[in-house]
């Protein structure tokens, strides 16, 4: 019985950490939950539930986050490794979402 409780705690802790990393990335991109949910074609309540640690994310949604925003699947799941799977794409996306048009990177990185 203790093993089941330990596993349940680890799963719950992992979901909570995933939610914290998702919120960190969303805020770094200056996106609201609604904006992020629209980018990922999911309901805003799903983003809210993940960020609060009440649910996980499907592998499909995690892969969309990686493909659209360049964030590492490994980092999203575990917090280990680089945040970006593709640094150039990640920096470009951050530039588009965070900086004013006059501050955005011009040309190649």
C-alpha atoms as a PDB file:
ATOM      1  CA  UNK A   1       0.000   0.000   0.000  1.00  0.00           C
ATOM      2  CA  UNK A   2       2.856   2.401   0.781  1.00  0.00           C
ATOM      3  CA  UNK A   3       4.304   1.829  -2.706  1.00  0.00           C
ATOM      4  CA  UNK A   4       0.997   2.929  -4.252  1.00  0.00           C
ATOM      5  CA  UNK A   5       0.967   6.071  -2.080  1.00  0.00           C
ATOM      6  CA  UNK A   6       4.595   6.825  -3.029  1.00  0.00           C
ATOM      7  CA  UNK A   7       3.846   6.393  -6.735  1.00  0.00           C
ATOM      8  CA  UNK A   8       0.736   8.538  -6.435  1.00  0.00           C
ATOM      9  CA  UNK A   9       2.756  11.279  -4.725  1.00  0.00           C
ATOM     10  CA  UNK A  10       5.471  11.155  -7.421  1.00  0.00           C
ATOM     11  CA  UNK A  11       2.894  11.411 -10.194  1.00  0.00           C
ATOM     12  CA  UNK A  12       1.161  14.295  -8.401  1.00  0.00           C
ATOM     13  CA  UNK A  13       4.491  16.051  -7.820  1.00  0.00           C
ATOM     14  CA  UNK A  14       5.404  15.616 -11.506  1.00  0.00           C
ATOM     15  CA  UNK A  15       2.100  17.094 -12.638  1.00  0.00           C
ATOM     16  CA  UNK A  16       2.573  20.048 -10.285  1.00  0.00           C
ATOM     17  CA  UNK A  17       6.087  20.703 -11.610  1.00  0.00           C
ATOM     18  CA  UNK A  18       4.880  20.428 -15.218  1.00  0.00           C
ATOM     19  CA  UNK A  19       2.237  23.037 -14.402  1.00  0.00           C
ATOM     20  CA  UNK A  20       4.835  25.354 -12.915  1.00  0.00           C
ATOM     21  CA  UNK A  21       7.081  25.004 -15.974  1.00  0.00           C
ATOM     22  CA  UNK A  22       4.142  25.609 -18.326  1.00  0.00           C
ATOM     23  CA  UNK A  23       3.173  28.753 -16.421  1.00  0.00           C
ATOM     24  CA  UNK A  24       6.791  29.941 -16.478  1.00  0.00           C
ATOM     25  CA  UNK A  25       6.973  29.489 -20.261  1.00  0.00           C
ATOM     26  CA  UNK A  26       3.579  31.102 -20.847  1.00  0.00           C
ATOM     27  CA  UNK A  27       4.542  34.133 -18.793  1.00  0.00           C
ATOM     28  CA  UNK A  28       7.968  34.338 -20.489  1.00  0.00           C
ATOM     29  CA  UNK A  29       6.107  34.550 -23.793  1.00  0.00           C
ATOM     30  CA  UNK A  30       3.743  37.221 -22.411  1.00  0.00           C
ATOM     31  CA  UNK A  31       0.745  35.045 -23.266  1.00  0.00           C
ATOM     32  CA  UNK A  32      -2.492  34.747 -21.355  1.00  0.00           C
ATOM     33  CA  UNK A  33      -3.934  31.313 -20.702  1.00  0.00           C
ATOM     34  CA  UNK A  34      -6.516  32.050 -23.386  1.00  0.00           C
ATOM     35  CA  UNK A  35      -3.874  32.995 -25.962  1.00  0.00           C
ATOM     36  CA  UNK A  36      -1.846  29.868 -25.234  1.00  0.00           C
ATOM     37  CA  UNK A  37      -4.917  27.663 -25.375  1.00  0.00           C
ATOM     38  CA  UNK A  38      -5.810  29.120 -28.778  1.00  0.00           C
ATOM     39  CA  UNK A  39      -2.276  28.434 -30.086  1.00  0.00           C
ATOM     40  CA  UNK A  40      -2.553  24.815 -28.886  1.00  0.00           C
ATOM     41  CA  UNK A  41      -6.210  24.330 -29.932  1.00  0.00           C
ATOM     42  CA  UNK A  42      -7.281  23.321 -26.434  1.00  0.00           C
ATOM     43  CA  UNK A  43      -9.657  24.909 -23.932  1.00  0.00           C
ATOM     44  CA  UNK A  44      -8.392  27.569 -21.542  1.00  0.00           C
ATOM     45  CA  UNK A  45      -9.631  25.499 -18.592  1.00  0.00           C
ATOM     46  CA  UNK A  46      -7.110  22.806 -19.541  1.00  0.00           C
ATOM     47  CA  UNK A  47      -4.236  25.289 -19.303  1.00  0.00           C
ATOM     48  CA  UNK A  48      -5.565  26.488 -15.959  1.00  0.00           C
ATOM     49  CA  UNK A  49      -5.880  22.926 -14.606  1.00  0.00           C
ATOM     50  CA  UNK A  50      -2.334  22.034 -15.701  1.00  0.00           C
ATOM     51  CA  UNK A  51      -0.864  25.196 -14.196  1.00  0.00           C
ATOM     52  CA  UNK A  52      -2.634  24.463 -10.901  1.00  0.00           C
ATOM     53  CA  UNK A  53      -1.357  20.875 -10.894  1.00  0.00           C
ATOM     54  CA  UNK A  54      -4.800  19.317 -11.216  1.00  0.00           C
ATOM     55  CA  UNK A  55      -4.041  17.476 -14.457  1.00  0.00           C
ATOM     56  CA  UNK A  56      -1.240  16.607 -16.832  1.00  0.00           C
ATOM     57  CA  UNK A  57      -0.926  17.277 -20.543  1.00  0.00           C
ATOM     58  CA  UNK A  58      -1.312  14.869 -23.400  1.00  0.00           C
ATOM     59  CA  UNK A  59       1.804  13.892 -25.332  1.00  0.00           C
ATOM     60  CA  UNK A  60       0.204  15.566 -28.373  1.00  0.00           C
ATOM     61  CA  UNK A  61      -0.069  18.906 -26.576  1.00  0.00           C
ATOM     62  CA  UNK A  62       3.477  18.640 -25.236  1.00  0.00           C
ATOM     63  CA  UNK A  63       4.750  17.973 -28.756  1.00  0.00           C
ATOM     64  CA  UNK A  64       2.780  20.986 -30.035  1.00  0.00           C
ATOM     65  CA  UNK A  65       4.477  23.157 -27.416  1.00  0.00           C
ATOM     66  CA  UNK A  66       7.824  21.864 -28.620  1.00  0.00           C
ATOM     67  CA  UNK A  67       6.999  22.335 -32.294  1.00  0.00           C
ATOM     68  CA  UNK A  68       5.313  25.740 -32.041  1.00  0.00           C
ATOM     69  CA  UNK A  69       7.498  27.389 -29.418  1.00  0.00           C
ATOM     70  CA  UNK A  70      10.753  25.403 -29.609  1.00  0.00           C
ATOM     71  CA  UNK A  71      10.696  24.295 -25.971  1.00  0.00           C
ATOM     72  CA  UNK A  72      12.277  20.978 -25.073  1.00  0.00           C
ATOM     73  CA  UNK A  73       9.902  18.078 -24.379  1.00  0.00           C
ATOM     74  CA  UNK A  74      12.444  16.710 -21.872  1.00  0.00           C
ATOM     75  CA  UNK A  75      12.600  20.019 -19.988  1.00  0.00           C
ATOM     76  CA  UNK A  76       8.820  20.322 -19.887  1.00  0.00           C
ATOM     77  CA  UNK A  77       8.476  16.816 -18.467  1.00  0.00           C
ATOM     78  CA  UNK A  78      11.433  16.689 -16.086  1.00  0.00           C
ATOM     79  CA  UNK A  79      12.952  20.132 -15.747  1.00  0.00           C
ATOM     80  CA  UNK A  80      16.255  18.668 -16.944  1.00  0.00           C
ATOM     81  CA  UNK A  81      18.276  19.620 -19.987  1.00  0.00           C
ATOM     82  CA  UNK A  82      18.036  22.802 -22.037  1.00  0.00           C
ATOM     83  CA  UNK A  83      14.758  24.729 -22.072  1.00  0.00           C
ATOM     84  CA  UNK A  84      14.826  24.983 -25.870  1.00  0.00           C
ATOM     85  CA  UNK A  85      15.091  22.030 -28.218  1.00  0.00           C
ATOM     86  CA  UNK A  86      16.106  24.513 -30.923  1.00  0.00           C
ATOM     87  CA  UNK A  87      17.845  27.596 -29.523  1.00  0.00           C
ATOM     88  CA  UNK A  88      17.522  29.706 -32.650  1.00  0.00           C
ATOM     89  CA  UNK A  89      13.796  29.047 -32.925  1.00  0.00           C
ATOM     90  CA  UNK A  90      13.346  29.622 -29.186  1.00  0.00           C
ATOM     91  CA  UNK A  91      15.138  32.957 -29.228  1.00  0.00           C
ATOM     92  CA  UNK A  92      13.206  34.040 -32.319  1.00  0.00           C
ATOM     93  CA  UNK A  93       9.882  33.137 -30.705  1.00  0.00           C
ATOM     94  CA  UNK A  94      10.799  34.900 -27.463  1.00  0.00           C
ATOM     95  CA  UNK A  95      11.803  37.920 -29.520  1.00  0.00           C
ATOM     96  CA  UNK A  96       8.404  37.947 -31.249  1.00  0.00           C
ATOM     97  CA  UNK A  97       6.392  37.542 -28.063  1.00  0.00           C
ATOM     98  CA  UNK A  98       8.388  39.532 -25.539  1.00  0.00           C
ATOM     99  CA  UNK A  99      10.005  42.454 -27.296  1.00  0.00           C
ATOM    100  CA  UNK A 100       8.347  45.496 -28.822  1.00  0.00           C
ATOM    101  CA  UNK A 101       8.634  45.608 -32.628  1.00  0.00           C
ATOM    102  CA  UNK A 102      11.517  48.101 -32.442  1.00  0.00           C
ATOM    103  CA  UNK A 103      13.448  45.770 -30.109  1.00  0.00           C
ATOM    104  CA  UNK A 104      13.008  42.544 -32.089  1.00  0.00           C
ATOM    105  CA  UNK A 105      15.963  40.769 -33.556  1.00  0.00           C
ATOM    106  CA  UNK A 106      16.561  41.608 -37.178  1.00  0.00           C
ATOM    107  CA  UNK A 107      17.977  39.176 -39.707  1.00  0.00           C
ATOM    108  CA  UNK A 108      19.657  35.929 -38.766  1.00  0.00           C
ATOM    109  CA  UNK A 109      20.695  35.044 -35.285  1.00  0.00           C
END
